[in-house]
């Protein structure tokens, strides 16, 4: 899947350097003590590698859903078929200086790409 992923179009993490100072304490805890460890334990390359894996998964998912939609078209039932796809959450992957999902409402966690 990595051969299909355009890494140049993959967005960098979004955050401000001083952002963590202004966060509520429960979010600061996730920054320092997530189940993967502290944000500071991960280099920019580590985070980029995580993001590549995540976006490669999305690329794979997009291709597979495309196959389902094509099969519906080929059978002539696409116009009479409702396809619903849901997911429970995204991951932070460096956005807002956080690594994993958590109990906060930042777009990367609640709005799955």
PDB file of N, CA and C in Angstrom:
ATOM      1  N   UNK A   1       0.828  -1.182   0.000  1.00  0.00           N
ATOM      2  CA  UNK A   1       0.000   0.000   0.000  1.00  0.00           C
ATOM      3  C   UNK A   1       0.872   1.246   0.000  1.00  0.00           C
ATOM      4  N   UNK A   2       2.062   1.144   0.534  1.00  0.00           N
ATOM      5  CA  UNK A   2       2.933   2.306   0.578  1.00  0.00           C
ATOM      6  C   UNK A   2       3.315   2.794  -0.816  1.00  0.00           C
ATOM      7  N   UNK A   3       3.284   1.898  -1.805  1.00  0.00           N
ATOM      8  CA  UNK A   3       3.630   2.320  -3.162  1.00  0.00           C
ATOM      9  C   UNK A   3       2.526   3.168  -3.791  1.00  0.00           C
ATOM     10  N   UNK A   4       1.317   3.138  -3.250  1.00  0.00           N
ATOM     11  CA  UNK A   4       0.194   3.912  -3.777  1.00  0.00           C
ATOM     12  C   UNK A   4       0.060   5.245  -3.032  1.00  0.00           C
ATOM     13  N   UNK A   5       0.483   5.275  -1.806  1.00  0.00           N
ATOM     14  CA  UNK A   5       0.357   6.459  -0.957  1.00  0.00           C
ATOM     15  C   UNK A   5       1.288   7.568  -1.450  1.00  0.00           C
ATOM     16  N   UNK A   6       0.741   8.754  -1.668  1.00  0.00           N
ATOM     17  CA  UNK A   6       1.542   9.914  -2.058  1.00  0.00           C
ATOM     18  C   UNK A   6       1.979  10.633  -0.779  1.00  0.00           C
ATOM     19  N   UNK A   7       3.172  10.317  -0.306  1.00  0.00           N
ATOM     20  CA  UNK A   7       3.669  10.872   0.963  1.00  0.00           C
ATOM     21  C   UNK A   7       3.820  12.384   0.906  1.00  0.00           C
ATOM     22  N   UNK A   8       3.981  12.938  -0.283  1.00  0.00           N
ATOM     23  CA  UNK A   8       4.119  14.395  -0.423  1.00  0.00           C
ATOM     24  C   UNK A   8       2.812  15.120  -0.082  1.00  0.00           C
ATOM     25  N   UNK A   9       1.687  14.443  -0.255  1.00  0.00           N
ATOM     26  CA  UNK A   9       0.384  15.048   0.042  1.00  0.00           C
ATOM     27  C   UNK A   9      -0.055  14.799   1.483  1.00  0.00           C
ATOM     28  N   UNK A  10       0.686  13.980   2.194  1.00  0.00           N
ATOM     29  CA  UNK A  10       0.339  13.642   3.567  1.00  0.00           C
ATOM     30  C   UNK A  10       0.596  14.850   4.474  1.00  0.00           C
ATOM     31  N   UNK A  11      -0.401  15.295   5.227  1.00  0.00           N
ATOM     32  CA  UNK A  11      -0.207  16.495   6.051  1.00  0.00           C
ATOM     33  C   UNK A  11       0.725  16.253   7.237  1.00  0.00           C
ATOM     34  N   UNK A  12       1.481  17.284   7.579  1.00  0.00           N
ATOM     35  CA  UNK A  12       2.312  17.242   8.782  1.00  0.00           C
ATOM     36  C   UNK A  12       1.417  17.416   9.994  1.00  0.00           C
ATOM     37  N   UNK A  13       1.891  17.006  11.172  1.00  0.00           N
ATOM     38  CA  UNK A  13       1.103  17.240  12.382  1.00  0.00           C
ATOM     39  C   UNK A  13       0.865  18.742  12.581  1.00  0.00           C
ATOM     40  N   UNK A  14      -0.294  19.065  13.134  1.00  0.00           N
ATOM     41  CA  UNK A  14      -0.609  20.470  13.405  1.00  0.00           C
ATOM     42  C   UNK A  14      -0.512  20.723  14.909  1.00  0.00           C
ATOM     43  N   UNK A  15       0.292  21.679  15.274  1.00  0.00           N
ATOM     44  CA  UNK A  15       0.384  22.118  16.670  1.00  0.00           C
ATOM     45  C   UNK A  15       1.251  23.361  16.751  1.00  0.00           C
ATOM     46  N   UNK A  16       1.099  24.062  17.868  1.00  0.00           N
ATOM     47  CA  UNK A  16       1.967  25.193  18.195  1.00  0.00           C
ATOM     48  C   UNK A  16       2.942  24.716  19.262  1.00  0.00           C
ATOM     49  N   UNK A  17       4.130  25.226  19.249  1.00  0.00           N
ATOM     50  CA  UNK A  17       5.152  24.807  20.224  1.00  0.00           C
ATOM     51  C   UNK A  17       4.691  25.023  21.665  1.00  0.00           C
ATOM     52  N   UNK A  18       3.982  26.116  21.936  1.00  0.00           N
ATOM     53  CA  UNK A  18       3.572  26.424  23.311  1.00  0.00           C
ATOM     54  C   UNK A  18       2.184  25.875  23.656  1.00  0.00           C
ATOM     55  N   UNK A  19       1.610  25.116  22.765  1.00  0.00           N
ATOM     56  CA  UNK A  19       0.226  24.661  22.927  1.00  0.00           C
ATOM     57  C   UNK A  19      -0.006  23.883  24.220  1.00  0.00           C
ATOM     58  N   UNK A  20       0.902  23.007  24.574  1.00  0.00           N
ATOM     59  CA  UNK A  20       0.711  22.150  25.745  1.00  0.00           C
ATOM     60  C   UNK A  20       0.579  22.965  27.034  1.00  0.00           C
ATOM     61  N   UNK A  21       1.224  24.119  27.089  1.00  0.00           N
ATOM     62  CA  UNK A  21       1.164  24.970  28.285  1.00  0.00           C
ATOM     63  C   UNK A  21      -0.249  25.472  28.560  1.00  0.00           C
ATOM     64  N   UNK A  22      -1.073  25.563  27.522  1.00  0.00           N
ATOM     65  CA  UNK A  22      -2.411  26.140  27.650  1.00  0.00           C
ATOM     66  C   UNK A  22      -3.514  25.082  27.685  1.00  0.00           C
ATOM     67  N   UNK A  23      -3.143  23.829  27.764  1.00  0.00           N
ATOM     68  CA  UNK A  23      -4.134  22.747  27.757  1.00  0.00           C
ATOM     69  C   UNK A  23      -4.623  22.438  29.167  1.00  0.00           C
ATOM     70  N   UNK A  24      -5.845  21.917  29.257  1.00  0.00           N
ATOM     71  CA  UNK A  24      -6.330  21.436  30.557  1.00  0.00           C
ATOM     72  C   UNK A  24      -5.455  20.281  31.061  1.00  0.00           C
ATOM     73  N   UNK A  25      -5.449  20.090  32.357  1.00  0.00           N
ATOM     74  CA  UNK A  25      -4.577  19.084  32.983  1.00  0.00           C
ATOM     75  C   UNK A  25      -4.799  17.670  32.447  1.00  0.00           C
ATOM     76  N   UNK A  26      -6.050  17.286  32.184  1.00  0.00           N
ATOM     77  CA  UNK A  26      -6.287  15.923  31.702  1.00  0.00           C
ATOM     78  C   UNK A  26      -5.674  15.693  30.320  1.00  0.00           C
ATOM     79  N   UNK A  27      -5.650  16.726  29.491  1.00  0.00           N
ATOM     80  CA  UNK A  27      -5.017  16.581  28.182  1.00  0.00           C
ATOM     81  C   UNK A  27      -3.498  16.597  28.329  1.00  0.00           C
ATOM     82  N   UNK A  28      -2.977  17.399  29.241  1.00  0.00           N
ATOM     83  CA  UNK A  28      -1.527  17.394  29.511  1.00  0.00           C
ATOM     84  C   UNK A  28      -1.068  15.995  29.924  1.00  0.00           C
ATOM     85  N   UNK A  29      -1.905  15.309  30.711  1.00  0.00           N
ATOM     86  CA  UNK A  29      -1.546  13.938  31.134  1.00  0.00           C
ATOM     87  C   UNK A  29      -1.363  13.034  29.920  1.00  0.00           C
ATOM     88  N   UNK A  30      -2.246  13.173  28.930  1.00  0.00           N
ATOM     89  CA  UNK A  30      -2.107  12.372  27.706  1.00  0.00           C
ATOM     90  C   UNK A  30      -0.821  12.726  26.968  1.00  0.00           C
ATOM     91  N   UNK A  31      -0.451  13.981  27.002  1.00  0.00           N
ATOM     92  CA  UNK A  31       0.789  14.427  26.354  1.00  0.00           C
ATOM     93  C   UNK A  31       2.001  13.754  27.002  1.00  0.00           C
ATOM     94  N   UNK A  32       2.009  13.721  28.330  1.00  0.00           N
ATOM     95  CA  UNK A  32       3.164  13.185  29.063  1.00  0.00           C
ATOM     96  C   UNK A  32       3.080  11.691  29.337  1.00  0.00           C
ATOM     97  N   UNK A  33       1.865  11.141  29.447  1.00  0.00           N
ATOM     98  CA  UNK A  33       1.732   9.756  29.933  1.00  0.00           C
ATOM     99  C   UNK A  33       0.713   8.932  29.148  1.00  0.00           C
ATOM    100  N   UNK A  34       0.693   9.014  27.843  1.00  0.00           N
ATOM    101  CA  UNK A  34      -0.252   8.189  27.089  1.00  0.00           C
ATOM    102  C   UNK A  34       0.163   6.723  27.203  1.00  0.00           C
ATOM    103  N   UNK A  35      -0.680   5.832  26.757  1.00  0.00           N
ATOM    104  CA  UNK A  35      -0.331   4.411  26.845  1.00  0.00           C
ATOM    105  C   UNK A  35       0.848   4.051  25.943  1.00  0.00           C
ATOM    106  N   UNK A  36       1.239   4.941  25.046  1.00  0.00           N
ATOM    107  CA  UNK A  36       2.459   4.728  24.254  1.00  0.00           C
ATOM    108  C   UNK A  36       3.654   5.477  24.828  1.00  0.00           C
ATOM    109  N   UNK A  37       3.423   6.215  25.900  1.00  0.00           N
ATOM    110  CA  UNK A  37       4.494   6.989  26.513  1.00  0.00           C
ATOM    111  C   UNK A  37       4.337   8.471  26.232  1.00  0.00           C
ATOM    112  N   UNK A  38       5.346   9.224  26.598  1.00  0.00           N
ATOM    113  CA  UNK A  38       5.330  10.670  26.447  1.00  0.00           C
ATOM    114  C   UNK A  38       5.535  11.076  24.989  1.00  0.00           C
ATOM    115  N   UNK A  39       4.873  12.139  24.590  1.00  0.00           N
ATOM    116  CA  UNK A  39       5.048  12.701  23.255  1.00  0.00           C
ATOM    117  C   UNK A  39       6.529  12.981  22.987  1.00  0.00           C
ATOM    118  N   UNK A  40       7.240  13.438  24.006  1.00  0.00           N
ATOM    119  CA  UNK A  40       8.655  13.803  23.860  1.00  0.00           C
ATOM    120  C   UNK A  40       9.541  12.588  23.543  1.00  0.00           C
ATOM    121  N   UNK A  41       9.043  11.377  23.749  1.00  0.00           N
ATOM    122  CA  UNK A  41       9.825  10.166  23.440  1.00  0.00           C
ATOM    123  C   UNK A  41       9.856   9.851  21.947  1.00  0.00           C
ATOM    124  N   UNK A  42       9.067  10.565  21.162  1.00  0.00           N
ATOM    125  CA  UNK A  42       8.951  10.276  19.734  1.00  0.00           C
ATOM    126  C   UNK A  42       9.605  11.382  18.921  1.00  0.00           C
ATOM    127  N   UNK A  43      10.467  10.989  18.013  1.00  0.00           N
ATOM    128  CA  UNK A  43      11.111  11.955  17.127  1.00  0.00           C
ATOM    129  C   UNK A  43      10.137  12.340  16.014  1.00  0.00           C
ATOM    130  N   UNK A  44      10.484  13.378  15.261  1.00  0.00           N
ATOM    131  CA  UNK A  44       9.666  13.760  14.109  1.00  0.00           C
ATOM    132  C   UNK A  44       9.591  12.610  13.110  1.00  0.00           C
ATOM    133  N   UNK A  45      10.688  11.857  12.955  1.00  0.00           N
ATOM    134  CA  UNK A  45      10.675  10.697  12.056  1.00  0.00           C
ATOM    135  C   UNK A  45       9.755   9.600  12.561  1.00  0.00           C
ATOM    136  N   UNK A  46       9.739   9.374  13.882  1.00  0.00           N
ATOM    137  CA  UNK A  46       8.823   8.380  14.463  1.00  0.00           C
ATOM    138  C   UNK A  46       7.375   8.750  14.151  1.00  0.00           C
ATOM    139  N   UNK A  47       7.051  10.017  14.355  1.00  0.00           N
ATOM    140  CA  UNK A  47       5.679  10.470  14.132  1.00  0.00           C
ATOM    141  C   UNK A  47       5.331  10.385  12.654  1.00  0.00           C
ATOM    142  N   UNK A  48       6.270  10.746  11.790  1.00  0.00           N
ATOM    143  CA  UNK A  48       6.015  10.643  10.340  1.00  0.00           C
ATOM    144  C   UNK A  48       5.753   9.189   9.961  1.00  0.00           C
ATOM    145  N   UNK A  49       6.513   8.253  10.536  1.00  0.00           N
ATOM    146  CA  UNK A  49       6.307   6.834  10.249  1.00  0.00           C
ATOM    147  C   UNK A  49       4.923   6.373  10.707  1.00  0.00           C
ATOM    148  N   UNK A  50       4.480   6.840  11.882  1.00  0.00           N
ATOM    149  CA  UNK A  50       3.129   6.515  12.358  1.00  0.00           C
ATOM    150  C   UNK A  50       2.089   7.044  11.382  1.00  0.00           C
ATOM    151  N   UNK A  51       2.282   8.269  10.934  1.00  0.00           N
ATOM    152  CA  UNK A  51       1.326   8.896  10.022  1.00  0.00           C
ATOM    153  C   UNK A  51       1.307   8.173   8.677  1.00  0.00           C
ATOM    154  N   UNK A  52       2.470   7.741   8.209  1.00  0.00           N
ATOM    155  CA  UNK A  52       2.519   6.980   6.954  1.00  0.00           C
ATOM    156  C   UNK A  52       1.694   5.705   7.095  1.00  0.00           C
ATOM    157  N   UNK A  53       1.847   5.000   8.207  1.00  0.00           N
ATOM    158  CA  UNK A  53       1.062   3.782   8.432  1.00  0.00           C
ATOM    159  C   UNK A  53      -0.424   4.048   8.455  1.00  0.00           C
ATOM    160  N   UNK A  54      -0.815   5.113   9.136  1.00  0.00           N
ATOM    161  CA  UNK A  54      -2.228   5.476   9.231  1.00  0.00           C
ATOM    162  C   UNK A  54      -2.791   5.825   7.858  1.00  0.00           C
ATOM    163  N   UNK A  55      -2.087   6.683   7.123  1.00  0.00           N
ATOM    164  CA  UNK A  55      -2.582   7.092   5.813  1.00  0.00           C
ATOM    165  C   UNK A  55      -2.518   5.949   4.798  1.00  0.00           C
ATOM    166  N   UNK A  56      -1.583   5.037   4.953  1.00  0.00           N
ATOM    167  CA  UNK A  56      -1.560   3.845   4.093  1.00  0.00           C
ATOM    168  C   UNK A  56      -2.800   2.993   4.366  1.00  0.00           C
ATOM    169  N   UNK A  57      -3.193   2.889   5.627  1.00  0.00           N
ATOM    170  CA  UNK A  57      -4.415   2.149   5.981  1.00  0.00           C
ATOM    171  C   UNK A  57      -5.641   2.801   5.354  1.00  0.00           C
ATOM    172  N   UNK A  58      -5.687   4.134   5.388  1.00  0.00           N
ATOM    173  CA  UNK A  58      -6.809   4.846   4.773  1.00  0.00           C
ATOM    174  C   UNK A  58      -6.830   4.643   3.265  1.00  0.00           C
ATOM    175  N   UNK A  59      -5.658   4.641   2.655  1.00  0.00           N
ATOM    176  CA  UNK A  59      -5.559   4.412   1.210  1.00  0.00           C
ATOM    177  C   UNK A  59      -6.064   3.017   0.858  1.00  0.00           C
ATOM    178  N   UNK A  60      -5.665   2.016   1.647  1.00  0.00           N
ATOM    179  CA  UNK A  60      -6.129   0.643   1.438  1.00  0.00           C
ATOM    180  C   UNK A  60      -7.646   0.570   1.586  1.00  0.00           C
ATOM    181  N   UNK A  61      -8.156   1.182   2.644  1.00  0.00           N
ATOM    182  CA  UNK A  61      -9.600   1.185   2.886  1.00  0.00           C
ATOM    183  C   UNK A  61     -10.343   1.824   1.713  1.00  0.00           C
ATOM    184  N   UNK A  62      -9.830   2.947   1.225  1.00  0.00           N
ATOM    185  CA  UNK A  62     -10.446   3.623   0.093  1.00  0.00           C
ATOM    186  C   UNK A  62     -10.504   2.713  -1.130  1.00  0.00           C
ATOM    187  N   UNK A  63      -9.435   1.994  -1.389  1.00  0.00           N
ATOM    188  CA  UNK A  63      -9.416   1.072  -2.534  1.00  0.00           C
ATOM    189  C   UNK A  63     -10.420  -0.061  -2.353  1.00  0.00           C
ATOM    190  N   UNK A  64     -10.503  -0.605  -1.167  1.00  0.00           N
ATOM    191  CA  UNK A  64     -11.427  -1.715  -0.914  1.00  0.00           C
ATOM    192  C   UNK A  64     -12.883  -1.267  -1.003  1.00  0.00           C
ATOM    193  N   UNK A  65     -13.192  -0.096  -0.474  1.00  0.00           N
ATOM    194  CA  UNK A  65     -14.553   0.424  -0.601  1.00  0.00           C
ATOM    195  C   UNK A  65     -14.868   0.678  -2.070  1.00  0.00           C
ATOM    196  N   UNK A  66     -13.879   1.142  -2.819  1.00  0.00           N
ATOM    197  CA  UNK A  66     -14.056   1.318  -4.260  1.00  0.00           C
ATOM    198  C   UNK A  66     -14.439   0.028  -4.953  1.00  0.00           C
ATOM    199  N   UNK A  67     -13.863  -1.092  -4.519  1.00  0.00           N
ATOM    200  CA  UNK A  67     -14.204  -2.397  -5.102  1.00  0.00           C
ATOM    201  C   UNK A  67     -15.667  -2.764  -4.811  1.00  0.00           C
ATOM    202  N   UNK A  68     -16.099  -2.475  -3.594  1.00  0.00           N
ATOM    203  CA  UNK A  68     -17.493  -2.763  -3.227  1.00  0.00           C
ATOM    204  C   UNK A  68     -18.440  -1.920  -4.081  1.00  0.00           C
ATOM    205  N   UNK A  69     -18.141  -0.637  -4.201  1.00  0.00           N
ATOM    206  CA  UNK A  69     -18.998   0.251  -4.990  1.00  0.00           C
ATOM    207  C   UNK A  69     -19.020  -0.161  -6.459  1.00  0.00           C
ATOM    208  N   UNK A  70     -17.880  -0.568  -6.984  1.00  0.00           N
ATOM    209  CA  UNK A  70     -17.816  -1.035  -8.375  1.00  0.00           C
ATOM    210  C   UNK A  70     -18.645  -2.306  -8.560  1.00  0.00           C
ATOM    211  N   UNK A  71     -18.562  -3.224  -7.593  1.00  0.00           N
ATOM    212  CA  UNK A  71     -19.348  -4.459  -7.678  1.00  0.00           C
ATOM    213  C   UNK A  71     -20.849  -4.143  -7.684  1.00  0.00           C
ATOM    214  N   UNK A  72     -21.265  -3.174  -6.889  1.00  0.00           N
ATOM    215  CA  UNK A  72     -22.673  -2.769  -6.885  1.00  0.00           C
ATOM    216  C   UNK A  72     -23.071  -2.183  -8.239  1.00  0.00           C
ATOM    217  N   UNK A  73     -22.190  -1.365  -8.813  1.00  0.00           N
ATOM    218  CA  UNK A  73     -22.434  -0.802 -10.156  1.00  0.00           C
ATOM    219  C   UNK A  73     -22.534  -1.921 -11.193  1.00  0.00           C
ATOM    220  N   UNK A  74     -21.565  -2.844 -11.156  1.00  0.00           N
ATOM    221  CA  UNK A  74     -21.535  -3.944 -12.123  1.00  0.00           C
ATOM    222  C   UNK A  74     -22.795  -4.792 -12.062  1.00  0.00           C
ATOM    223  N   UNK A  75     -23.366  -4.945 -10.882  1.00  0.00           N
ATOM    224  CA  UNK A  75     -24.592  -5.741 -10.715  1.00  0.00           C
ATOM    225  C   UNK A  75     -25.849  -4.914 -11.016  1.00  0.00           C
ATOM    226  N   UNK A  76     -25.645  -3.609 -11.240  1.00  0.00           N
ATOM    227  CA  UNK A  76     -26.788  -2.754 -11.558  1.00  0.00           C
ATOM    228  C   UNK A  76     -27.657  -2.412 -10.365  1.00  0.00           C
ATOM    229  N   UNK A  77     -27.113  -2.535  -9.162  1.00  0.00           N
ATOM    230  CA  UNK A  77     -27.921  -2.272  -7.968  1.00  0.00           C
ATOM    231  C   UNK A  77     -27.417  -1.076  -7.153  1.00  0.00           C
ATOM    232  N   UNK A  78     -26.457  -0.352  -7.677  1.00  0.00           N
ATOM    233  CA  UNK A  78     -25.867   0.755  -6.925  1.00  0.00           C
ATOM    234  C   UNK A  78     -26.884   1.845  -6.600  1.00  0.00           C
ATOM    235  N   UNK A  79     -27.776   2.145  -7.549  1.00  0.00           N
ATOM    236  CA  UNK A  79     -28.751   3.226  -7.334  1.00  0.00           C
ATOM    237  C   UNK A  79     -29.803   2.864  -6.292  1.00  0.00           C
ATOM    238  N   UNK A  80     -29.951   1.574  -6.009  1.00  0.00           N
ATOM    239  CA  UNK A  80     -30.943   1.126  -5.026  1.00  0.00           C
ATOM    240  C   UNK A  80     -30.286   0.575  -3.762  1.00  0.00           C
ATOM    241  N   UNK A  81     -29.019   0.918  -3.564  1.00  0.00           N
ATOM    242  CA  UNK A  81     -28.286   0.384  -2.423  1.00  0.00           C
ATOM    243  C   UNK A  81     -27.732   1.536  -1.594  1.00  0.00           C
ATOM    244  N   UNK A  82     -27.941   1.460  -0.313  1.00  0.00           N
ATOM    245  CA  UNK A  82     -27.388   2.437   0.617  1.00  0.00           C
ATOM    246  C   UNK A  82     -26.165   1.813   1.279  1.00  0.00           C
ATOM    247  N   UNK A  83     -25.029   2.447   1.134  1.00  0.00           N
ATOM    248  CA  UNK A  83     -23.793   1.961   1.751  1.00  0.00           C
ATOM    249  C   UNK A  83     -23.466   2.885   2.914  1.00  0.00           C
ATOM    250  N   UNK A  84     -23.317   2.304   4.092  1.00  0.00           N
ATOM    251  CA  UNK A  84     -22.996   3.080   5.290  1.00  0.00           C
ATOM    252  C   UNK A  84     -21.669   2.578   5.845  1.00  0.00           C
ATOM    253  N   UNK A  85     -20.758   3.500   6.069  1.00  0.00           N
ATOM    254  CA  UNK A  85     -19.472   3.153   6.670  1.00  0.00           C
ATOM    255  C   UNK A  85     -19.304   4.001   7.922  1.00  0.00           C
ATOM    256  N   UNK A  86     -18.947   3.373   9.016  1.00  0.00           N
ATOM    257  CA  UNK A  86     -18.718   4.116  10.258  1.00  0.00           C
ATOM    258  C   UNK A  86     -17.378   3.707  10.859  1.00  0.00           C
ATOM    259  N   UNK A  87     -16.900   4.542  11.744  1.00  0.00           N
ATOM    260  CA  UNK A  87     -15.680   4.249  12.490  1.00  0.00           C
ATOM    261  C   UNK A  87     -15.825   4.890  13.857  1.00  0.00           C
ATOM    262  N   UNK A  88     -15.097   4.385  14.829  1.00  0.00           N
ATOM    263  CA  UNK A  88     -15.284   4.910  16.180  1.00  0.00           C
ATOM    264  C   UNK A  88     -14.396   6.101  16.516  1.00  0.00           C
ATOM    265  N   UNK A  89     -13.233   6.243  15.894  1.00  0.00           N
ATOM    266  CA  UNK A  89     -12.364   7.381  16.204  1.00  0.00           C
ATOM    267  C   UNK A  89     -11.160   7.398  15.270  1.00  0.00           C
ATOM    268  N   UNK A  90     -10.461   8.514  15.297  1.00  0.00           N
ATOM    269  CA  UNK A  90      -9.163   8.619  14.634  1.00  0.00           C
ATOM    270  C   UNK A  90      -8.076   8.594  15.703  1.00  0.00           C
ATOM    271  N   UNK A  91      -6.888   8.956  15.337  1.00  0.00           N
ATOM    272  CA  UNK A  91      -5.779   9.060  16.287  1.00  0.00           C
ATOM    273  C   UNK A  91      -5.090  10.396  16.095  1.00  0.00           C
ATOM    274  N   UNK A  92      -4.420  10.861  17.114  1.00  0.00           N
ATOM    275  CA  UNK A  92      -3.804  12.178  17.067  1.00  0.00           C
ATOM    276  C   UNK A  92      -2.533  12.194  16.206  1.00  0.00           C
ATOM    277  N   UNK A  93      -1.687  11.186  16.338  1.00  0.00           N
ATOM    278  CA  UNK A  93      -0.505  11.034  15.479  1.00  0.00           C
ATOM    279  C   UNK A  93       0.351  12.293  15.391  1.00  0.00           C
ATOM    280  N   UNK A  94       0.527  12.955  16.529  1.00  0.00           N
ATOM    281  CA  UNK A  94       1.382  14.132  16.598  1.00  0.00           C
ATOM    282  C   UNK A  94       0.634  15.450  16.594  1.00  0.00           C
ATOM    283  N   UNK A  95      -0.630  15.442  16.149  1.00  0.00           N
ATOM    284  CA  UNK A  95      -1.407  16.677  16.183  1.00  0.00           C
ATOM    285  C   UNK A  95      -1.598  17.121  17.629  1.00  0.00           C
ATOM    286  N   UNK A  96      -1.463  18.418  17.858  1.00  0.00           N
ATOM    287  CA  UNK A  96      -1.629  19.012  19.191  1.00  0.00           C
ATOM    288  C   UNK A  96      -0.682  18.390  20.222  1.00  0.00           C
ATOM    289  N   UNK A  97       0.453  17.882  19.748  1.00  0.00           N
ATOM    290  CA  UNK A  97       1.477  17.260  20.597  1.00  0.00           C
ATOM    291  C   UNK A  97       0.920  16.075  21.383  1.00  0.00           C
ATOM    292  N   UNK A  98       0.030  15.322  20.730  1.00  0.00           N
ATOM    293  CA  UNK A  98      -0.550  14.117  21.311  1.00  0.00           C
ATOM    294  C   UNK A  98      -0.338  12.971  20.329  1.00  0.00           C
ATOM    295  N   UNK A  99      -0.260  11.764  20.846  1.00  0.00           N
ATOM    296  CA  UNK A  99       0.023  10.609  20.000  1.00  0.00           C
ATOM    297  C   UNK A  99      -1.226   9.778  19.720  1.00  0.00           C
ATOM    298  N   UNK A 100      -2.012   9.505  20.743  1.00  0.00           N
ATOM    299  CA  UNK A 100      -3.127   8.567  20.607  1.00  0.00           C
ATOM    300  C   UNK A 100      -4.466   9.268  20.821  1.00  0.00           C
ATOM    301  N   UNK A 101      -5.536   8.535  20.592  1.00  0.00           N
ATOM    302  CA  UNK A 101      -6.866   9.067  20.859  1.00  0.00           C
ATOM    303  C   UNK A 101      -7.010   9.294  22.357  1.00  0.00           C
ATOM    304  N   UNK A 102      -7.960  10.083  22.728  1.00  0.00           N
ATOM    305  CA  UNK A 102      -8.177  10.332  24.145  1.00  0.00           C
ATOM    306  C   UNK A 102      -9.519  10.992  24.367  1.00  0.00           C
ATOM    307  N   UNK A 103      -9.733  11.402  25.577  1.00  0.00           N
ATOM    308  CA  UNK A 103     -11.008  12.013  25.953  1.00  0.00           C
ATOM    309  C   UNK A 103     -10.956  13.514  25.687  1.00  0.00           C
ATOM    310  N   UNK A 104     -10.787  13.873  24.420  1.00  0.00           N
ATOM    311  CA  UNK A 104     -10.782  15.266  24.022  1.00  0.00           C
ATOM    312  C   UNK A 104     -11.368  15.359  22.619  1.00  0.00           C
ATOM    313  N   UNK A 105     -11.794  16.541  22.252  1.00  0.00           N
ATOM    314  CA  UNK A 105     -12.541  16.699  21.011  1.00  0.00           C
ATOM    315  C   UNK A 105     -11.774  17.463  19.937  1.00  0.00           C
ATOM    316  N   UNK A 106     -10.544  17.095  19.723  1.00  0.00           N
ATOM    317  CA  UNK A 106      -9.798  17.638  18.593  1.00  0.00           C
ATOM    318  C   UNK A 106     -10.224  16.881  17.339  1.00  0.00           C
ATOM    319  N   UNK A 107     -10.271  17.574  16.221  1.00  0.00           N
ATOM    320  CA  UNK A 107     -10.705  16.971  14.959  1.00  0.00           C
ATOM    321  C   UNK A 107     -10.029  15.640  14.636  1.00  0.00           C
ATOM    322  N   UNK A 108      -8.704  15.505  14.764  1.00  0.00           N
ATOM    323  CA  UNK A 108      -8.086  14.238  14.372  1.00  0.00           C
ATOM    324  C   UNK A 108      -8.621  13.026  15.148  1.00  0.00           C
ATOM    325  N   UNK A 109      -9.116  13.273  16.343  1.00  0.00           N
ATOM    326  CA  UNK A 109      -9.621  12.173  17.154  1.00  0.00           C
ATOM    327  C   UNK A 109     -11.101  11.872  16.910  1.00  0.00           C
ATOM    328  N   UNK A 110     -11.895  12.915  16.675  1.00  0.00           N
ATOM    329  CA  UNK A 110     -13.339  12.693  16.535  1.00  0.00           C
ATOM    330  C   UNK A 110     -13.841  12.737  15.102  1.00  0.00           C
ATOM    331  N   UNK A 111     -13.089  13.343  14.212  1.00  0.00           N
ATOM    332  CA  UNK A 111     -13.488  13.411  12.804  1.00  0.00           C
ATOM    333  C   UNK A 111     -12.551  12.540  12.002  1.00  0.00           C
ATOM    334  N   UNK A 112     -12.962  11.361  11.720  1.00  0.00           N
ATOM    335  CA  UNK A 112     -12.112  10.407  11.008  1.00  0.00           C
ATOM    336  C   UNK A 112     -12.019  10.839   9.569  1.00  0.00           C
ATOM    337  N   UNK A 113     -10.787  10.861   9.048  1.00  0.00           N
ATOM    338  CA  UNK A 113     -10.556  11.305   7.660  1.00  0.00           C
ATOM    339  C   UNK A 113     -11.138  10.341   6.652  1.00  0.00           C
TER     340      UNK A 113
END
